[in-house]
């Protein structure tokens, strides 16, 4: 009996298809979660789909990046996995609880920040990637690590702080996807569909992040609301 031969090129193409499919579903579900009333069934369902789709997108982004020798894209995939994992955990943990998962997140974010610094220092981000980008990844990852350490030292997070922790991580992950697609892949978009609206779509997650962080942190809208947004 002869087993079928597996082609490395075929596996690479499959990984690319899964990466693109996960990213497309992640964009749709992510924007749906932003638009849906917070805490309602539609928001939770869209958020669950977003987490799963982004996990697929990010994992296979790492696979494709390593195959193509694109270290910064591999770091971006790992960072996205970290963001969605810790954002999901933030609304699943009971108030005032922190454990191994938070410690693992802190170590992962610290490693990603260090890797970003190394890639930036070596100028090995990849073709067409601006020099400051690795340092931006490193800075945001370091911010995530500092936030994780704070949660560990305080033995958990609750109330509006937990909602804010969930929000900025989810919105940042969505921005990585939207920026990568609408700006990073603009040359793949038909000329007739290009225009300023692509920049609006790419930056929409950041605008949403500012809006919701203002509501959570500076108003009383979420003071007496359950922590699951």
Protein backbone atom coordinates (compact mmCIF):
# COMPACT_ATOMS: atom_id res chain seq x y z
CA UNK A 1 0.00 0.00 0.00
CA UNK A 2 1.42 3.36 -1.02
CA UNK A 3 0.69 6.34 1.18
CA UNK A 4 -0.10 9.64 -0.58
CA UNK A 5 2.81 12.06 -0.78
CA UNK A 6 2.46 15.30 1.10
CA UNK A 7 3.73 18.44 -0.58
CA UNK A 8 5.29 21.13 1.57
CA UNK A 9 4.01 23.67 -0.92
CA UNK A 10 0.53 22.22 -0.53
CA UNK A 11 0.72 22.46 3.26
CA UNK A 12 1.95 26.05 2.98
CA UNK A 13 -0.97 26.93 0.72
CA UNK A 14 -3.41 25.27 3.12
CA UNK A 15 -1.95 27.28 6.00
CA UNK A 16 -2.32 30.48 3.97
CA UNK A 17 -5.95 29.68 3.14
CA UNK A 18 -6.75 29.00 6.80
CA UNK A 19 -4.98 32.22 7.80
CA UNK A 20 -7.00 34.28 5.32
CA UNK A 21 -10.27 32.53 6.15
CA UNK A 22 -9.78 33.02 9.88
CA UNK A 23 -8.90 36.67 9.34
CA UNK A 24 -11.97 37.31 7.19
CA UNK A 25 -14.30 35.69 9.71
CA UNK A 26 -12.50 37.52 12.51
CA UNK A 27 -13.10 40.90 10.86
CA UNK A 28 -16.81 40.24 10.33
CA UNK A 29 -17.41 38.87 13.82
CA UNK A 30 -15.19 41.51 15.44
CA UNK A 31 -17.09 44.41 13.91
CA UNK A 32 -20.37 42.65 14.78
CA UNK A 33 -19.25 42.40 18.42
CA UNK A 34 -18.37 46.11 18.42
CA UNK A 35 -21.78 47.07 17.02
CA UNK A 36 -23.86 44.74 19.19
CA UNK A 37 -25.27 45.84 22.57
CA UNK A 38 -22.67 44.97 25.17
CA UNK A 39 -23.42 42.01 27.40
CA UNK A 40 -26.26 40.75 25.20
CA UNK A 41 -26.46 37.39 23.46
CA UNK A 42 -25.39 38.73 20.05
CA UNK A 43 -22.31 40.38 21.54
CA UNK A 44 -21.29 37.23 23.37
CA UNK A 45 -21.88 35.02 20.33
CA UNK A 46 -19.98 37.34 17.99
CA UNK A 47 -17.19 37.62 20.54
CA UNK A 48 -16.86 33.84 20.79
CA UNK A 49 -16.67 33.52 17.01
CA UNK A 50 -14.13 36.35 16.95
CA UNK A 51 -11.87 34.63 19.48
CA UNK A 52 -11.95 31.31 17.63
CA UNK A 53 -11.49 32.88 14.18
CA UNK A 54 -8.64 35.09 15.35
CA UNK A 55 -6.95 32.12 17.00
CA UNK A 56 -7.00 30.31 13.65
CA UNK A 57 -5.81 33.43 11.83
CA UNK A 58 -2.99 34.13 14.28
CA UNK A 59 -1.74 30.55 14.53
CA UNK A 60 -1.52 30.10 10.78
CA UNK A 61 -0.04 33.58 10.42
CA UNK A 62 2.83 32.27 12.53
CA UNK A 63 3.11 29.15 10.38
CA UNK A 64 3.18 31.15 7.13
CA UNK A 65 5.57 33.74 8.58
CA UNK A 66 8.06 31.13 9.75
CA UNK A 67 7.86 29.39 6.38
CA UNK A 68 8.59 32.69 4.62
CA UNK A 69 11.20 33.89 7.13
CA UNK A 70 9.12 36.87 8.28
CA UNK A 71 9.94 37.17 11.99
CA UNK A 72 7.82 40.25 12.67
CA UNK A 73 4.71 38.59 11.25
CA UNK A 74 5.41 35.58 13.47
CA UNK A 75 5.65 37.93 16.45
CA UNK A 76 2.40 39.59 15.38
CA UNK A 77 0.66 36.21 15.28
CA UNK A 78 1.92 35.31 18.75
CA UNK A 79 0.91 38.72 20.08
CA UNK A 80 -2.60 38.35 18.65
CA UNK A 81 -2.97 34.95 20.32
CA UNK A 82 -1.86 36.51 23.59
CA UNK A 83 -4.33 39.40 23.26
CA UNK A 84 -7.40 37.33 22.50
CA UNK A 85 -6.48 34.70 25.09
CA UNK A 86 -6.08 37.18 27.92
CA UNK A 87 -9.10 39.24 26.78
CA UNK A 88 -11.27 36.11 26.85
CA UNK A 89 -9.86 35.14 30.24
CA UNK A 90 -10.61 38.60 31.65
CA UNK A 91 -14.37 38.06 31.39
CA UNK A 92 -14.31 34.39 32.37
CA UNK A 93 -12.40 34.76 35.64
CA UNK A 94 -14.34 35.43 38.84
CA UNK A 95 -13.61 38.73 40.55
CA UNK A 96 -10.41 38.79 42.55
CA UNK A 97 -8.87 35.66 41.05
CA UNK A 98 -5.45 35.32 39.40
CA UNK A 99 -3.34 32.23 38.85
CA UNK A 100 -1.16 30.35 36.43
CA UNK A 101 -2.96 31.64 33.36
CA UNK A 102 -2.15 35.24 34.25
CA UNK A 103 1.45 34.29 35.00
CA UNK A 104 1.68 32.52 31.65
CA UNK A 105 0.27 35.61 29.94
CA UNK A 106 2.81 37.83 31.68
CA UNK A 107 5.69 35.61 30.57
CA UNK A 108 4.34 35.41 27.01
CA UNK A 109 3.93 39.19 26.73
CA UNK A 110 7.41 39.73 28.14
CA UNK A 111 8.90 37.30 25.61
CA UNK A 112 7.00 38.96 22.74
CA UNK A 113 8.21 42.40 23.83
CA UNK A 114 11.80 41.14 23.97
CA UNK A 115 11.48 39.50 20.56
CA UNK A 116 10.12 42.73 19.08
CA UNK A 117 13.09 44.66 20.43
CA UNK A 118 15.53 42.12 18.98
CA UNK A 119 13.86 42.16 15.56
CA UNK A 120 13.80 45.96 15.57
CA UNK A 121 17.44 46.15 16.63
CA UNK A 122 18.49 43.75 13.90
CA UNK A 123 16.30 45.42 11.29
CA UNK A 124 14.83 42.02 10.41
CA UNK A 125 11.14 42.91 10.30
CA UNK A 126 10.75 41.93 6.68
CA UNK A 127 10.46 43.53 3.29
CA UNK A 128 8.33 46.66 3.22
CA UNK A 129 7.86 46.87 7.00
CA UNK A 130 8.75 50.32 8.44
CA UNK A 131 11.56 50.32 10.98
CA UNK A 132 9.52 51.53 13.98
CA UNK A 133 6.89 48.77 13.69
CA UNK A 134 8.80 46.14 15.73
CA UNK A 135 9.25 48.68 18.51
CA UNK A 136 5.52 49.44 18.47
CA UNK A 137 4.77 45.73 18.92
CA UNK A 138 7.36 45.57 21.71
CA UNK A 139 5.90 48.62 23.47
CA UNK A 140 2.30 47.39 23.40
CA UNK A 141 3.40 43.90 24.49
CA UNK A 142 5.33 45.47 27.37
CA UNK A 143 2.17 47.37 28.32
CA UNK A 144 0.28 44.08 28.33
CA UNK A 145 2.95 42.46 30.49
CA UNK A 146 2.81 45.35 32.97
CA UNK A 147 -0.98 45.01 33.12
CA UNK A 148 -0.66 41.26 33.73
CA UNK A 149 1.85 41.82 36.50
CA UNK A 150 -0.50 44.31 38.13
CA UNK A 151 -3.34 41.77 38.05
CA UNK A 152 -1.06 39.11 39.55
CA UNK A 153 0.13 41.38 42.36
CA UNK A 154 -3.43 42.51 43.12
CA UNK A 155 -4.63 38.91 42.93
CA UNK A 156 -7.23 39.59 40.29
CA UNK A 157 -9.27 42.36 38.74
CA UNK A 158 -12.95 43.28 38.99
CA UNK A 159 -15.65 45.68 37.83
CA UNK A 160 -14.83 48.39 35.28
CA UNK A 161 -11.14 47.51 35.42
CA UNK A 162 -11.92 44.02 34.19
CA UNK A 163 -14.12 45.37 31.38
CA UNK A 164 -11.36 47.80 30.38
CA UNK A 165 -8.82 44.96 30.36
CA UNK A 166 -11.11 42.96 28.08
CA UNK A 167 -11.84 45.92 25.78
CA UNK A 168 -8.36 47.14 25.00
CA UNK A 169 -7.07 43.66 24.27
CA UNK A 170 -9.98 42.71 22.00
CA UNK A 171 -9.90 46.05 20.15
CA UNK A 172 -6.14 45.87 19.69
CA UNK A 173 -6.43 42.36 18.26
CA UNK A 174 -9.16 43.55 15.88
CA UNK A 175 -6.98 46.51 14.85
CA UNK A 176 -4.12 44.15 14.02
CA UNK A 177 -6.50 42.26 11.71
CA UNK A 178 -8.12 45.33 10.17
CA UNK A 179 -4.83 47.16 9.67
CA UNK A 180 -3.17 44.10 8.20
CA UNK A 181 -6.00 43.59 5.71
CA UNK A 182 -7.22 47.06 4.72
CA UNK A 183 -3.77 48.70 4.74
CA UNK A 184 -1.21 45.92 4.62
CA UNK A 185 -2.95 44.10 1.76
CA UNK A 186 -4.21 47.16 -0.10
CA UNK A 187 -2.35 46.13 -3.25
CA UNK A 188 -4.51 42.96 -3.33
CA UNK A 189 -7.74 44.98 -3.27
CA UNK A 190 -9.18 45.92 -6.70
CA UNK A 191 -8.42 49.50 -7.65
CA UNK A 192 -12.12 50.34 -7.91
CA UNK A 193 -12.62 49.44 -4.23
CA UNK A 194 -9.73 51.48 -2.87
CA UNK A 195 -10.16 54.83 -1.23
CA UNK A 196 -10.19 56.71 2.07
CA UNK A 197 -12.86 54.32 3.42
CA UNK A 198 -10.17 51.64 3.77
CA UNK A 199 -8.33 53.84 6.27
CA UNK A 200 -11.60 54.38 8.14
CA UNK A 201 -12.21 50.63 8.34
CA UNK A 202 -8.62 49.97 9.38
CA UNK A 203 -8.71 52.54 12.19
CA UNK A 204 -12.29 51.88 13.33
CA UNK A 205 -11.22 49.48 16.14
CA UNK A 206 -8.99 52.19 17.64
CA UNK A 207 -11.83 54.72 17.50
CA UNK A 208 -14.13 52.19 19.17
CA UNK A 209 -11.48 51.52 21.80
CA UNK A 210 -11.22 55.22 22.70
CA UNK A 211 -15.00 55.55 22.88
CA UNK A 212 -15.55 52.52 25.09
CA UNK A 213 -12.58 53.19 27.35
CA UNK A 214 -13.98 56.67 27.93
CA UNK A 215 -17.38 55.21 28.83
CA UNK A 216 -15.93 52.53 31.09
CA UNK A 217 -13.33 54.62 32.86
CA UNK A 218 -14.76 58.13 32.97
CA UNK A 219 -18.53 57.66 33.24
CA UNK A 220 -20.82 55.73 35.54
CA UNK A 221 -22.25 53.61 32.72
CA UNK A 222 -20.48 50.43 33.87
CA UNK A 223 -20.13 51.08 37.60
CA UNK A 224 -22.93 48.74 38.60
CA UNK A 225 -22.98 46.43 35.59
CA UNK A 226 -21.83 42.77 35.77
CA UNK A 227 -18.22 42.36 34.61
CA UNK A 228 -19.04 40.31 31.50
CA UNK A 229 -19.39 42.90 28.69
